[in-house]
Every structure is written in structure tokens, then in C-alpha cells.
Amino acid sequence: MDGPVPTLFDVFSYIGTALFTIALMPQAVRTFRRGRADDISVWFLLTVLGASAFNMVWSISLPNYVVACGFVANLVVWGYVLQVRLRPRPATVSS
């Protein structure tokens, strides 16, 4: 096996990143299905996006690209939710 052996801290950060990424999926699916996210605060979304952007830069500087990918997933999902929050799909009429 070539390369450095992951430390316990590395393993914890990988597990945490995987769990945070998995935790995003229910909100992403719900927002996609409903086409709106009016029950989520815009300030919450902006705060999460800002924190994820800063943490992504920090994790790249380590370099810990696995964790950086988790923050990219945060940016993609919460960015989508913010976009839907600001511009919801028009309601469809059921027959």
C-alpha cells in the first residue's frame, strides 16, 4: 500500500462528510418534488452556503479533498434549494 495511512481524524472526517452528504438527500428530493421551498428561511440558506464555501476553501488548503467534496455537495443542494425558494415552480392544476 503506497501513500500515507489515514489517521483516526481522517476516518472521522470521511464518515462525517458521508453522513452530512446523505443528510442532504431528503431535503433535495422534497424540494425537487414540490418545486418550492417556502418553508425554509432565506437567511438560513445564505448562512449555510457561506459556511460551506469557507469550509470548502479551508478543506482544500489542508488538503482534504474528500471533505471538500462534501462541502461542494452542500453548495449544490442548498444552492438549488435557494434557487427554488426564490423562484418556485408555478403550481399545476390537477384535473
Protein backbone atom coordinates (compact mmCIF):
# COMPACT_ATOMS: atom_id res chain seq x y z
CA MET A 1 0.00 0.00 0.00
CA ASP A 2 1.51 3.29 -1.10
CA GLY A 3 0.89 6.69 0.45
CA PRO A 4 0.16 7.80 3.97
CA VAL A 5 -2.09 5.78 6.23
CA PRO A 6 -5.26 7.69 7.21
CA THR A 7 -5.34 8.84 10.82
CA LEU A 8 -8.33 8.41 13.11
CA PHE A 9 -9.10 12.10 12.46
CA ASP A 10 -9.16 11.40 8.72
CA VAL A 11 -11.54 8.47 9.19
CA PHE A 12 -13.85 10.59 11.37
CA SER A 13 -13.85 13.40 8.80
CA TYR A 14 -14.69 10.95 5.99
CA ILE A 15 -17.55 9.42 7.99
CA GLY A 16 -18.86 12.87 8.96
CA THR A 17 -18.68 14.05 5.37
CA ALA A 18 -20.57 10.99 4.15
CA LEU A 19 -23.27 11.42 6.80
CA PHE A 20 -23.73 15.14 6.05
CA THR A 21 -23.99 14.37 2.35
CA ILE A 22 -26.56 11.64 2.98
CA ALA A 23 -28.49 14.03 5.25
CA LEU A 24 -28.90 16.45 2.32
CA MET A 25 -30.80 13.98 0.17
CA PRO A 26 -34.25 14.13 1.85
CA GLN A 27 -34.35 17.93 1.52
CA ALA A 28 -33.14 17.81 -2.07
CA VAL A 29 -35.75 15.20 -3.02
CA ARG A 30 -38.54 17.04 -1.20
CA THR A 31 -37.67 20.36 -2.84
CA PHE A 32 -37.40 18.74 -6.27
CA ARG A 33 -40.77 17.01 -5.92
CA ARG A 34 -42.63 20.03 -4.54
CA GLY A 35 -40.96 22.62 -6.74
CA ARG A 36 -40.91 25.06 -3.85
CA ALA A 37 -39.11 25.62 -0.57
CA ASP A 38 -41.17 28.37 1.03
CA ASP A 39 -40.81 26.82 4.49
CA ILE A 40 -37.04 27.39 4.61
CA SER A 41 -35.58 30.74 5.65
CA VAL A 42 -33.54 32.59 3.04
CA TRP A 43 -31.14 33.68 5.80
CA PHE A 44 -30.62 30.05 6.80
CA LEU A 45 -29.82 29.14 3.20
CA LEU A 46 -27.40 32.06 2.79
CA THR A 47 -25.66 31.18 6.07
CA VAL A 48 -25.28 27.51 5.12
CA LEU A 49 -23.97 28.44 1.66
CA GLY A 50 -21.47 30.91 3.12
CA ALA A 51 -20.26 28.46 5.77
CA SER A 52 -19.90 25.70 3.18
CA ALA A 53 -17.92 27.96 0.84
CA PHE A 54 -15.48 29.00 3.59
CA ASN A 55 -15.14 25.41 4.85
CA MET A 56 -14.55 24.14 1.32
CA VAL A 57 -11.64 26.56 0.89
CA TRP A 58 -10.29 25.51 4.30
CA SER A 59 -10.52 21.79 3.49
CA ILE A 60 -8.77 22.28 0.14
CA SER A 61 -5.92 24.06 1.95
CA LEU A 62 -5.31 21.00 4.20
CA PRO A 63 -5.53 19.30 1.51
CA ASN A 64 -8.54 17.14 2.33
CA TYR A 65 -10.38 16.71 -0.93
CA VAL A 66 -12.88 14.19 0.42
CA VAL A 67 -14.22 16.77 2.87
CA ALA A 68 -14.05 19.44 0.16
CA CYS A 69 -16.33 17.28 -1.99
CA GLY A 70 -18.81 17.14 0.88
CA PHE A 71 -18.88 20.92 1.01
CA VAL A 72 -19.35 21.03 -2.76
CA ALA A 73 -22.38 18.75 -2.29
CA ASN A 74 -23.67 21.21 0.34
CA LEU A 75 -23.22 24.11 -2.06
CA VAL A 76 -25.01 22.29 -4.89
CA VAL A 77 -28.00 21.10 -2.85
CA TRP A 78 -28.52 24.25 -0.77
CA GLY A 79 -27.88 26.41 -3.83
CA TYR A 80 -30.66 24.53 -5.62
CA VAL A 81 -32.97 24.90 -2.61
CA LEU A 82 -32.23 28.66 -2.51
CA GLN A 83 -32.96 28.99 -6.21
CA VAL A 84 -36.29 27.17 -5.78
CA ARG A 85 -37.02 29.22 -2.64
CA LEU A 86 -36.54 32.46 -4.57
CA ARG A 87 -38.23 31.25 -7.78
CA PRO A 88 -40.72 28.47 -7.05
CA ARG A 89 -42.27 26.50 -9.89
CA PRO A 90 -45.77 27.63 -10.75
CA ALA A 91 -48.50 25.49 -9.23
CA THR A 92 -50.06 22.96 -11.57
CA VAL A 93 -53.78 22.41 -11.78
CA SER A 94 -54.90 18.83 -11.20
CA SER A 95 -57.87 17.52 -13.15
